[in-house]
Amino acid sequence: MTEHIKFTERLSIEDLDREGVDVVFGQVQIDRDKCTGCRMCVKACPANALEVVDKKSRMALVFPMCMSCGDCTAVCPEVAIAITRFIEFHKYFRYLDRGAPEGPRKF
């Protein structure tokens, strides 16, 4: 039988969606002179943090959730992308039924 989380238990779970408070997302710098608009970085980004505008890549303007994974820098054939800020977590992760809370991963 499947167990569900009670409403009162849901209230005790931290909300990691508060940007700047619980988490500070990463950021990449794209050299627009080198960028050819090939879209490889946009396709490789697992967080959909990049977009192409005017045939050049850039960080999405609406809530770019960059995880600083480096996939975009790895696939860029023109070496036009560099990570300028890594993702930072300000709270601990809590896993239900997996023991004590663990600290955030270091990137």
PDB file of N, CA and C in Angstrom:
ATOM      1  N   MET A   1       0.834  -1.178   0.000  1.00  0.00           N
ATOM      2  CA  MET A   1       0.000   0.000   0.000  1.00  0.00           C
ATOM      3  C   MET A   1       0.881   1.245   0.000  1.00  0.00           C
ATOM      4  N   THR A   2       0.546   2.210  -0.814  1.00  0.00           N
ATOM      5  CA  THR A   2       1.329   3.434  -0.915  1.00  0.00           C
ATOM      6  C   THR A   2       1.037   4.358   0.255  1.00  0.00           C
ATOM      7  N   GLU A   3       2.105   4.875   0.851  1.00  0.00           N
ATOM      8  CA  GLU A   3       1.941   5.823   1.948  1.00  0.00           C
ATOM      9  C   GLU A   3       2.057   7.236   1.391  1.00  0.00           C
ATOM     10  N   HIS A   4       1.276   8.148   1.937  1.00  0.00           N
ATOM     11  CA  HIS A   4       1.291   9.531   1.501  1.00  0.00           C
ATOM     12  C   HIS A   4       1.818  10.420   2.616  1.00  0.00           C
ATOM     13  N   ILE A   5       2.346  11.560   2.237  1.00  0.00           N
ATOM     14  CA  ILE A   5       2.824  12.530   3.214  1.00  0.00           C
ATOM     15  C   ILE A   5       1.618  13.304   3.743  1.00  0.00           C
ATOM     16  N   LYS A   6       1.562  13.445   5.053  1.00  0.00           N
ATOM     17  CA  LYS A   6       0.482  14.199   5.667  1.00  0.00           C
ATOM     18  C   LYS A   6       0.669  15.685   5.384  1.00  0.00           C
ATOM     19  N   PHE A   7      -0.419  16.434   5.442  1.00  0.00           N
ATOM     20  CA  PHE A   7      -0.367  17.872   5.178  1.00  0.00           C
ATOM     21  C   PHE A   7       0.580  18.568   6.146  1.00  0.00           C
ATOM     22  N   THR A   8       0.545  18.191   7.412  1.00  0.00           N
ATOM     23  CA  THR A   8       1.425  18.828   8.399  1.00  0.00           C
ATOM     24  C   THR A   8       2.891  18.509   8.127  1.00  0.00           C
ATOM     25  N   GLU A   9       3.169  17.332   7.589  1.00  0.00           N
ATOM     26  CA  GLU A   9       4.540  16.984   7.242  1.00  0.00           C
ATOM     27  C   GLU A   9       5.021  17.789   6.043  1.00  0.00           C
ATOM     28  N   ARG A  10       4.133  18.081   5.093  1.00  0.00           N
ATOM     29  CA  ARG A  10       4.501  18.890   3.929  1.00  0.00           C
ATOM     30  C   ARG A  10       4.923  20.291   4.328  1.00  0.00           C
ATOM     31  N   LEU A  11       4.305  20.826   5.365  1.00  0.00           N
ATOM     32  CA  LEU A  11       4.650  22.177   5.824  1.00  0.00           C
ATOM     33  C   LEU A  11       6.067  22.250   6.386  1.00  0.00           C
ATOM     34  N   SER A  12       6.587  21.134   6.871  1.00  0.00           N
ATOM     35  CA  SER A  12       7.925  21.139   7.461  1.00  0.00           C
ATOM     36  C   SER A  12       9.037  20.961   6.429  1.00  0.00           C
ATOM     37  N   ILE A  13       8.686  20.674   5.177  1.00  0.00           N
ATOM     38  CA  ILE A  13       9.687  20.501   4.128  1.00  0.00           C
ATOM     39  C   ILE A  13      10.104  21.868   3.612  1.00  0.00           C
ATOM     40  N   GLU A  14      11.414  22.105   3.555  1.00  0.00           N
ATOM     41  CA  GLU A  14      11.901  23.404   3.090  1.00  0.00           C
ATOM     42  C   GLU A  14      11.588  23.624   1.622  1.00  0.00           C
ATOM     43  N   ASP A  15      11.361  24.852   1.273  1.00  0.00           N
ATOM     44  CA  ASP A  15      11.088  25.255  -0.100  1.00  0.00           C
ATOM     45  C   ASP A  15      12.383  25.768  -0.710  1.00  0.00           C
ATOM     46  N   LEU A  16      12.965  25.004  -1.623  1.00  0.00           N
ATOM     47  CA  LEU A  16      14.229  25.401  -2.235  1.00  0.00           C
ATOM     48  C   LEU A  16      14.022  26.224  -3.497  1.00  0.00           C
ATOM     49  N   ASP A  17      12.792  26.672  -3.734  1.00  0.00           N
ATOM     50  CA  ASP A  17      12.516  27.476  -4.912  1.00  0.00           C
ATOM     51  C   ASP A  17      12.716  28.965  -4.680  1.00  0.00           C
ATOM     52  N   ARG A  18      13.060  29.368  -3.473  1.00  0.00           N
ATOM     53  CA  ARG A  18      13.242  30.785  -3.187  1.00  0.00           C
ATOM     54  C   ARG A  18      14.642  31.191  -3.624  1.00  0.00           C
ATOM     55  N   GLU A  19      14.743  31.684  -4.841  1.00  0.00           N
ATOM     56  CA  GLU A  19      16.031  32.048  -5.412  1.00  0.00           C
ATOM     57  C   GLU A  19      16.664  33.166  -4.601  1.00  0.00           C
ATOM     58  N   GLY A  20      17.942  33.025  -4.313  1.00  0.00           N
ATOM     59  CA  GLY A  20      18.668  34.018  -3.550  1.00  0.00           C
ATOM     60  C   GLY A  20      18.616  33.793  -2.059  1.00  0.00           C
ATOM     61  N   VAL A  21      17.653  33.012  -1.579  1.00  0.00           N
ATOM     62  CA  VAL A  21      17.539  32.726  -0.158  1.00  0.00           C
ATOM     63  C   VAL A  21      18.021  31.303   0.120  1.00  0.00           C
ATOM     64  N   ASP A  22      17.352  30.324  -0.500  1.00  0.00           N
ATOM     65  CA  ASP A  22      17.726  28.933  -0.297  1.00  0.00           C
ATOM     66  C   ASP A  22      18.793  28.482  -1.284  1.00  0.00           C
ATOM     67  N   VAL A  23      18.734  29.022  -2.483  1.00  0.00           N
ATOM     68  CA  VAL A  23      19.672  28.610  -3.527  1.00  0.00           C
ATOM     69  C   VAL A  23      20.005  29.817  -4.406  1.00  0.00           C
ATOM     70  N   VAL A  24      21.267  29.921  -4.761  1.00  0.00           N
ATOM     71  CA  VAL A  24      21.713  30.927  -5.730  1.00  0.00           C
ATOM     72  C   VAL A  24      22.165  30.145  -6.954  1.00  0.00           C
ATOM     73  N   PHE A  25      21.469  30.330  -8.073  1.00  0.00           N
ATOM     74  CA  PHE A  25      21.767  29.552  -9.261  1.00  0.00           C
ATOM     75  C   PHE A  25      23.055  30.019  -9.919  1.00  0.00           C
ATOM     76  N   GLY A  26      23.624  29.142 -10.728  1.00  0.00           N
ATOM     77  CA  GLY A  26      24.853  29.447 -11.432  1.00  0.00           C
ATOM     78  C   GLY A  26      24.624  30.433 -12.561  1.00  0.00           C
ATOM     79  N   GLN A  27      25.719  30.829 -13.173  1.00  0.00           N
ATOM     80  CA  GLN A  27      25.633  31.778 -14.275  1.00  0.00           C
ATOM     81  C   GLN A  27      26.777  31.506 -15.239  1.00  0.00           C
ATOM     82  N   VAL A  28      26.497  31.646 -16.522  1.00  0.00           N
ATOM     83  CA  VAL A  28      27.541  31.492 -17.533  1.00  0.00           C
ATOM     84  C   VAL A  28      27.692  32.799 -18.302  1.00  0.00           C
ATOM     85  N   GLN A  29      28.890  33.014 -18.786  1.00  0.00           N
ATOM     86  CA  GLN A  29      29.196  34.176 -19.626  1.00  0.00           C
ATOM     87  C   GLN A  29      29.415  33.665 -21.044  1.00  0.00           C
ATOM     88  N   ILE A  30      28.685  34.243 -21.985  1.00  0.00           N
ATOM     89  CA  ILE A  30      28.795  33.825 -23.376  1.00  0.00           C
ATOM     90  C   ILE A  30      29.415  34.961 -24.174  1.00  0.00           C
ATOM     91  N   ASP A  31      30.516  34.671 -24.837  1.00  0.00           N
ATOM     92  CA  ASP A  31      31.175  35.655 -25.695  1.00  0.00           C
ATOM     93  C   ASP A  31      30.386  35.735 -26.999  1.00  0.00           C
ATOM     94  N   ARG A  32      29.616  36.799 -27.148  1.00  0.00           N
ATOM     95  CA  ARG A  32      28.736  36.926 -28.310  1.00  0.00           C
ATOM     96  C   ARG A  32      29.519  37.104 -29.610  1.00  0.00           C
ATOM     97  N   ASP A  33      30.765  37.520 -29.540  1.00  0.00           N
ATOM     98  CA  ASP A  33      31.584  37.632 -30.754  1.00  0.00           C
ATOM     99  C   ASP A  33      31.980  36.247 -31.277  1.00  0.00           C
ATOM    100  N   LYS A  34      32.212  35.314 -30.362  1.00  0.00           N
ATOM    101  CA  LYS A  34      32.599  33.956 -30.755  1.00  0.00           C
ATOM    102  C   LYS A  34      31.401  33.070 -31.076  1.00  0.00           C
ATOM    103  N   CYS A  35      30.239  33.350 -30.456  1.00  0.00           N
ATOM    104  CA  CYS A  35      29.052  32.506 -30.606  1.00  0.00           C
ATOM    105  C   CYS A  35      28.548  32.540 -32.047  1.00  0.00           C
ATOM    106  N   THR A  36      28.308  31.353 -32.596  1.00  0.00           N
ATOM    107  CA  THR A  36      27.790  31.241 -33.969  1.00  0.00           C
ATOM    108  C   THR A  36      26.301  30.912 -34.001  1.00  0.00           C
ATOM    109  N   GLY A  37      25.694  30.704 -32.817  1.00  0.00           N
ATOM    110  CA  GLY A  37      24.267  30.379 -32.763  1.00  0.00           C
ATOM    111  C   GLY A  37      23.946  28.966 -33.188  1.00  0.00           C
ATOM    112  N   CYS A  38      24.844  28.044 -32.951  1.00  0.00           N
ATOM    113  CA  CYS A  38      24.650  26.652 -33.378  1.00  0.00           C
ATOM    114  C   CYS A  38      23.607  25.906 -32.535  1.00  0.00           C
ATOM    115  N   ARG A  39      23.254  26.440 -31.383  1.00  0.00           N
ATOM    116  CA  ARG A  39      22.252  25.873 -30.478  1.00  0.00           C
ATOM    117  C   ARG A  39      22.691  24.599 -29.766  1.00  0.00           C
ATOM    118  N   MET A  40      23.926  24.211 -29.866  1.00  0.00           N
ATOM    119  CA  MET A  40      24.376  22.994 -29.179  1.00  0.00           C
ATOM    120  C   MET A  40      24.295  23.163 -27.665  1.00  0.00           C
ATOM    121  N   CYS A  41      24.614  24.355 -27.172  1.00  0.00           N
ATOM    122  CA  CYS A  41      24.557  24.599 -25.729  1.00  0.00           C
ATOM    123  C   CYS A  41      23.122  24.557 -25.226  1.00  0.00           C
ATOM    124  N   VAL A  42      22.194  25.079 -26.012  1.00  0.00           N
ATOM    125  CA  VAL A  42      20.777  25.082 -25.627  1.00  0.00           C
ATOM    126  C   VAL A  42      20.259  23.654 -25.544  1.00  0.00           C
ATOM    127  N   LYS A  43      20.641  22.822 -26.487  1.00  0.00           N
ATOM    128  CA  LYS A  43      20.209  21.420 -26.485  1.00  0.00           C
ATOM    129  C   LYS A  43      20.848  20.628 -25.343  1.00  0.00           C
ATOM    130  N   ALA A  44      22.078  20.997 -24.973  1.00  0.00           N
ATOM    131  CA  ALA A  44      22.799  20.250 -23.938  1.00  0.00           C
ATOM    132  C   ALA A  44      22.397  20.653 -22.525  1.00  0.00           C
ATOM    133  N   CYS A  45      21.831  21.834 -22.343  1.00  0.00           N
ATOM    134  CA  CYS A  45      21.519  22.351 -21.003  1.00  0.00           C
ATOM    135  C   CYS A  45      20.359  21.572 -20.377  1.00  0.00           C
ATOM    136  N   PRO A  46      20.605  20.848 -19.276  1.00  0.00           N
ATOM    137  CA  PRO A  46      19.523  20.086 -18.649  1.00  0.00           C
ATOM    138  C   PRO A  46      18.532  20.960 -17.892  1.00  0.00           C
ATOM    139  N   ALA A  47      18.880  22.208 -17.625  1.00  0.00           N
ATOM    140  CA  ALA A  47      18.003  23.098 -16.850  1.00  0.00           C
ATOM    141  C   ALA A  47      17.267  24.111 -17.716  1.00  0.00           C
ATOM    142  N   ASN A  48      17.455  24.053 -19.024  1.00  0.00           N
ATOM    143  CA  ASN A  48      16.841  25.021 -19.939  1.00  0.00           C
ATOM    144  C   ASN A  48      17.170  26.459 -19.542  1.00  0.00           C
ATOM    145  N   ALA A  49      18.413  26.693 -19.147  1.00  0.00           N
ATOM    146  CA  ALA A  49      18.830  28.019 -18.696  1.00  0.00           C
ATOM    147  C   ALA A  49      19.354  28.883 -19.843  1.00  0.00           C
ATOM    148  N   LEU A  50      19.480  28.314 -21.039  1.00  0.00           N
ATOM    149  CA  LEU A  50      19.998  29.063 -22.180  1.00  0.00           C
ATOM    150  C   LEU A  50      18.936  29.186 -23.265  1.00  0.00           C
ATOM    151  N   GLU A  51      19.044  30.242 -24.044  1.00  0.00           N
ATOM    152  CA  GLU A  51      18.152  30.450 -25.176  1.00  0.00           C
ATOM    153  C   GLU A  51      18.918  31.141 -26.283  1.00  0.00           C
ATOM    154  N   VAL A  52      18.387  31.094 -27.489  1.00  0.00           N
ATOM    155  CA  VAL A  52      19.007  31.756 -28.634  1.00  0.00           C
ATOM    156  C   VAL A  52      18.118  32.924 -29.049  1.00  0.00           C
ATOM    157  N   VAL A  53      18.712  34.109 -29.089  1.00  0.00           N
ATOM    158  CA  VAL A  53      18.025  35.320 -29.509  1.00  0.00           C
ATOM    159  C   VAL A  53      18.932  36.041 -30.500  1.00  0.00           C
ATOM    160  N   ASP A  54      18.381  36.432 -31.626  1.00  0.00           N
ATOM    161  CA  ASP A  54      19.146  37.104 -32.687  1.00  0.00           C
ATOM    162  C   ASP A  54      20.346  36.266 -33.136  1.00  0.00           C
ATOM    163  N   LYS A  55      20.140  34.948 -33.232  1.00  0.00           N
ATOM    164  CA  LYS A  55      21.154  33.989 -33.685  1.00  0.00           C
ATOM    165  C   LYS A  55      22.384  33.940 -32.789  1.00  0.00           C
ATOM    166  N   LYS A  56      22.209  34.295 -31.496  1.00  0.00           N
ATOM    167  CA  LYS A  56      23.279  34.206 -30.504  1.00  0.00           C
ATOM    168  C   LYS A  56      22.705  33.619 -29.222  1.00  0.00           C
ATOM    169  N   SER A  57      23.488  32.803 -28.533  1.00  0.00           N
ATOM    170  CA  SER A  57      23.043  32.214 -27.270  1.00  0.00           C
ATOM    171  C   SER A  57      23.160  33.226 -26.143  1.00  0.00           C
ATOM    172  N   ARG A  58      22.303  33.047 -25.138  1.00  0.00           N
ATOM    173  CA  ARG A  58      22.374  33.864 -23.923  1.00  0.00           C
ATOM    174  C   ARG A  58      21.651  33.138 -22.806  1.00  0.00           C
ATOM    175  N   MET A  59      21.866  33.614 -21.574  1.00  0.00           N
ATOM    176  CA  MET A  59      21.138  33.082 -20.427  1.00  0.00           C
ATOM    177  C   MET A  59      19.673  33.488 -20.577  1.00  0.00           C
ATOM    178  N   ALA A  60      18.769  32.605 -20.201  1.00  0.00           N
ATOM    179  CA  ALA A  60      17.341  32.920 -20.251  1.00  0.00           C
ATOM    180  C   ALA A  60      17.054  34.077 -19.301  1.00  0.00           C
ATOM    181  N   LEU A  61      16.196  34.976 -19.718  1.00  0.00           N
ATOM    182  CA  LEU A  61      15.878  36.140 -18.898  1.00  0.00           C
ATOM    183  C   LEU A  61      14.889  35.815 -17.787  1.00  0.00           C
ATOM    184  N   VAL A  62      14.025  34.815 -18.007  1.00  0.00           N
ATOM    185  CA  VAL A  62      13.021  34.452 -17.023  1.00  0.00           C
ATOM    186  C   VAL A  62      13.483  33.228 -16.243  1.00  0.00           C
ATOM    187  N   PHE A  63      13.866  33.422 -14.985  1.00  0.00           N
ATOM    188  CA  PHE A  63      14.248  32.369 -14.048  1.00  0.00           C
ATOM    189  C   PHE A  63      15.228  31.352 -14.633  1.00  0.00           C
ATOM    190  N   PRO A  64      16.441  31.768 -14.964  1.00  0.00           N
ATOM    191  CA  PRO A  64      17.433  30.803 -15.473  1.00  0.00           C
ATOM    192  C   PRO A  64      17.988  29.946 -14.333  1.00  0.00           C
ATOM    193  N   MET A  65      17.632  28.691 -14.314  1.00  0.00           N
ATOM    194  CA  MET A  65      18.030  27.796 -13.223  1.00  0.00           C
ATOM    195  C   MET A  65      19.315  27.043 -13.565  1.00  0.00           C
ATOM    196  N   CYS A  66      20.380  27.769 -13.826  1.00  0.00           N
ATOM    197  CA  CYS A  66      21.664  27.169 -14.179  1.00  0.00           C
ATOM    198  C   CYS A  66      22.206  26.370 -13.000  1.00  0.00           C
ATOM    199  N   MET A  67      22.572  25.115 -13.263  1.00  0.00           N
ATOM    200  CA  MET A  67      23.096  24.227 -12.235  1.00  0.00           C
ATOM    201  C   MET A  67      24.622  24.174 -12.234  1.00  0.00           C
ATOM    202  N   SER A  68      25.265  24.968 -13.073  1.00  0.00           N
ATOM    203  CA  SER A  68      26.725  24.990 -13.184  1.00  0.00           C
ATOM    204  C   SER A  68      27.293  23.624 -13.518  1.00  0.00           C
ATOM    205  N   CYS A  69      26.572  22.864 -14.331  1.00  0.00           N
ATOM    206  CA  CYS A  69      27.013  21.511 -14.650  1.00  0.00           C
ATOM    207  C   CYS A  69      28.171  21.506 -15.653  1.00  0.00           C
ATOM    208  N   GLY A  70      28.263  22.546 -16.473  1.00  0.00           N
ATOM    209  CA  GLY A  70      29.348  22.635 -17.444  1.00  0.00           C
ATOM    210  C   GLY A  70      29.079  21.954 -18.761  1.00  0.00           C
ATOM    211  N   ASP A  71      27.871  21.429 -18.956  1.00  0.00           N
ATOM    212  CA  ASP A  71      27.552  20.767 -20.219  1.00  0.00           C
ATOM    213  C   ASP A  71      27.643  21.732 -21.396  1.00  0.00           C
ATOM    214  N   CYS A  72      27.191  22.968 -21.196  1.00  0.00           N
ATOM    215  CA  CYS A  72      27.224  23.950 -22.282  1.00  0.00           C
ATOM    216  C   CYS A  72      28.661  24.300 -22.675  1.00  0.00           C
ATOM    217  N   THR A  73      29.534  24.414 -21.691  1.00  0.00           N
ATOM    218  CA  THR A  73      30.934  24.729 -21.995  1.00  0.00           C
ATOM    219  C   THR A  73      31.619  23.560 -22.693  1.00  0.00           C
ATOM    220  N   ALA A  74      31.208  22.350 -22.353  1.00  0.00           N
ATOM    221  CA  ALA A  74      31.834  21.166 -22.938  1.00  0.00           C
ATOM    222  C   ALA A  74      31.459  20.967 -24.404  1.00  0.00           C
ATOM    223  N   VAL A  75      30.227  21.330 -24.784  1.00  0.00           N
ATOM    224  CA  VAL A  75      29.789  21.070 -26.153  1.00  0.00           C
ATOM    225  C   VAL A  75      29.992  22.252 -27.095  1.00  0.00           C
ATOM    226  N   CYS A  76      30.338  23.413 -26.574  1.00  0.00           N
ATOM    227  CA  CYS A  76      30.479  24.599 -27.424  1.00  0.00           C
ATOM    228  C   CYS A  76      31.691  24.445 -28.349  1.00  0.00           C
ATOM    229  N   PRO A  77      31.480  24.376 -29.673  1.00  0.00           N
ATOM    230  CA  PRO A  77      32.601  24.185 -30.596  1.00  0.00           C
ATOM    231  C   PRO A  77      33.475  25.430 -30.741  1.00  0.00           C
ATOM    232  N   GLU A  78      32.950  26.590 -30.358  1.00  0.00           N
ATOM    233  CA  GLU A  78      33.699  27.843 -30.492  1.00  0.00           C
ATOM    234  C   GLU A  78      34.369  28.279 -29.197  1.00  0.00           C
ATOM    235  N   VAL A  79      34.228  27.505 -28.121  1.00  0.00           N
ATOM    236  CA  VAL A  79      34.761  27.822 -26.792  1.00  0.00           C
ATOM    237  C   VAL A  79      34.334  29.241 -26.394  1.00  0.00           C
ATOM    238  N   ALA A  80      33.035  29.502 -26.521  1.00  0.00           N
ATOM    239  CA  ALA A  80      32.496  30.833 -26.257  1.00  0.00           C
ATOM    240  C   ALA A  80      31.809  30.942 -24.905  1.00  0.00           C
ATOM    241  N   ILE A  81      31.766  29.861 -24.130  1.00  0.00           N
ATOM    242  CA  ILE A  81      31.015  29.860 -22.871  1.00  0.00           C
ATOM    243  C   ILE A  81      31.941  29.542 -21.703  1.00  0.00           C
ATOM    244  N   ALA A  82      31.778  30.317 -20.620  1.00  0.00           N
ATOM    245  CA  ALA A  82      32.539  30.083 -19.395  1.00  0.00           C
ATOM    246  C   ALA A  82      31.600  30.233 -18.206  1.00  0.00           C
ATOM    247  N   ILE A  83      31.777  29.385 -17.201  1.00  0.00           N
ATOM    248  CA  ILE A  83      30.971  29.479 -15.985  1.00  0.00           C
ATOM    249  C   ILE A  83      31.551  30.603 -15.130  1.00  0.00           C
ATOM    250  N   THR A  84      30.707  31.580 -14.775  1.00  0.00           N
ATOM    251  CA  THR A  84      31.172  32.713 -13.974  1.00  0.00           C
ATOM    252  C   THR A  84      30.714  32.632 -12.525  1.00  0.00           C
ATOM    253  N   ARG A  85      29.647  31.885 -12.244  1.00  0.00           N
ATOM    254  CA  ARG A  85      29.178  31.710 -10.867  1.00  0.00           C
ATOM    255  C   ARG A  85      28.631  30.301 -10.732  1.00  0.00           C
ATOM    256  N   PHE A  86      29.096  29.595  -9.716  1.00  0.00           N
ATOM    257  CA  PHE A  86      28.627  28.236  -9.472  1.00  0.00           C
ATOM    258  C   PHE A  86      27.402  28.262  -8.569  1.00  0.00           C
ATOM    259  N   ILE A  87      26.578  27.240  -8.687  1.00  0.00           N
ATOM    260  CA  ILE A  87      25.361  27.146  -7.881  1.00  0.00           C
ATOM    261  C   ILE A  87      25.747  27.011  -6.410  1.00  0.00           C
ATOM    262  N   GLU A  88      24.979  27.671  -5.533  1.00  0.00           N
ATOM    263  CA  GLU A  88      25.241  27.635  -4.093  1.00  0.00           C
ATOM    264  C   GLU A  88      23.952  27.277  -3.365  1.00  0.00           C
ATOM    265  N   PHE A  89      24.034  26.306  -2.475  1.00  0.00           N
ATOM    266  CA  PHE A  89      22.897  25.929  -1.644  1.00  0.00           C
ATOM    267  C   PHE A  89      23.126  26.481  -0.248  1.00  0.00           C
ATOM    268  N   HIS A  90      22.097  27.073   0.342  1.00  0.00           N
ATOM    269  CA  HIS A  90      22.224  27.677   1.664  1.00  0.00           C
ATOM    270  C   HIS A  90      21.520  26.890   2.750  1.00  0.00           C
ATOM    271  N   LYS A  91      20.905  25.790   2.395  1.00  0.00           N
ATOM    272  CA  LYS A  91      20.243  24.942   3.388  1.00  0.00           C
ATOM    273  C   LYS A  91      20.675  23.503   3.168  1.00  0.00           C
ATOM    274  N   TYR A  92      20.369  22.696   4.141  1.00  0.00           N
ATOM    275  CA  TYR A  92      20.676  21.281   4.032  1.00  0.00           C
ATOM    276  C   TYR A  92      19.570  20.556   3.288  1.00  0.00           C
ATOM    277  N   PHE A  93      19.951  19.494   2.614  1.00  0.00           N
ATOM    278  CA  PHE A  93      18.958  18.628   1.990  1.00  0.00           C
ATOM    279  C   PHE A  93      18.419  17.686   3.051  1.00  0.00           C
ATOM    280  N   ARG A  94      17.151  17.374   2.940  1.00  0.00           N
ATOM    281  CA  ARG A  94      16.564  16.382   3.829  1.00  0.00           C
ATOM    282  C   ARG A  94      15.895  15.324   2.970  1.00  0.00           C
ATOM    283  N   TYR A  95      16.307  14.104   3.150  1.00  0.00           N
ATOM    284  CA  TYR A  95      15.727  13.002   2.412  1.00  0.00           C
ATOM    285  C   TYR A  95      14.774  12.259   3.332  1.00  0.00           C
ATOM    286  N   LEU A  96      13.559  12.057   2.883  1.00  0.00           N
ATOM    287  CA  LEU A  96      12.594  11.339   3.702  1.00  0.00           C
ATOM    288  C   LEU A  96      12.986   9.869   3.804  1.00  0.00           C
ATOM    289  N   ASP A  97      12.970   9.359   5.001  1.00  0.00           N
ATOM    290  CA  ASP A  97      13.270   7.950   5.284  1.00  0.00           C
ATOM    291  C   ASP A  97      14.654   7.523   4.816  1.00  0.00           C
ATOM    292  N   ARG A  98      15.624   8.446   4.830  1.00  0.00           N
ATOM    293  CA  ARG A  98      16.984   8.076   4.447  1.00  0.00           C
ATOM    294  C   ARG A  98      18.005   8.481   5.497  1.00  0.00           C
ATOM    295  N   GLY A  99      17.581   8.652   6.706  1.00  0.00           N
ATOM    296  CA  GLY A  99      18.518   8.972   7.774  1.00  0.00           C
ATOM    297  C   GLY A  99      18.624  10.458   8.049  1.00  0.00           C
ATOM    298  N   ALA A 100      19.752  10.852   8.600  1.00  0.00           N
ATOM    299  CA  ALA A 100      19.983  12.234   9.031  1.00  0.00           C
ATOM    300  C   ALA A 100      20.173  13.174   7.828  1.00  0.00           C
ATOM    301  N   PRO A 101      19.908  14.469   8.025  1.00  0.00           N
ATOM    302  CA  PRO A 101      20.116  15.433   6.931  1.00  0.00           C
ATOM    303  C   PRO A 101      21.576  15.473   6.500  1.00  0.00           C
ATOM    304  N   GLU A 102      21.771  15.704   5.211  1.00  0.00           N
ATOM    305  CA  GLU A 102      23.114  15.781   4.659  1.00  0.00           C
ATOM    306  C   GLU A 102      23.364  17.191   4.141  1.00  0.00           C
ATOM    307  N   GLY A 103      24.599  17.608   4.161  1.00  0.00           N
ATOM    308  CA  GLY A 103      24.953  18.904   3.642  1.00  0.00           C
ATOM    309  C   GLY A 103      24.897  18.940   2.118  1.00  0.00           C
ATOM    310  N   PRO A 104      24.878  20.138   1.548  1.00  0.00           N
ATOM    311  CA  PRO A 104      24.847  20.244   0.080  1.00  0.00           C
ATOM    312  C   PRO A 104      26.139  19.763  -0.547  1.00  0.00           C
ATOM    313  N   ARG A 105      26.028  19.317  -1.804  1.00  0.00           N
ATOM    314  CA  ARG A 105      27.213  18.871  -2.535  1.00  0.00           C
ATOM    315  C   ARG A 105      28.077  20.068  -2.867  1.00  0.00           C
ATOM    316  N   LYS A 106      29.352  19.871  -2.944  1.00  0.00           N
ATOM    317  CA  LYS A 106      30.289  20.911  -3.350  1.00  0.00           C
ATOM    318  C   LYS A 106      30.566  20.743  -4.846  1.00  0.00           C
ATOM    319  N   PHE A 107      30.456  21.822  -5.605  1.00  0.00           N
ATOM    320  CA  PHE A 107      30.715  21.768  -7.037  1.00  0.00           C
ATOM    321  C   PHE A 107      32.055  22.373  -7.344  1.00  0.00           C
TER     322      PHE A 107
END
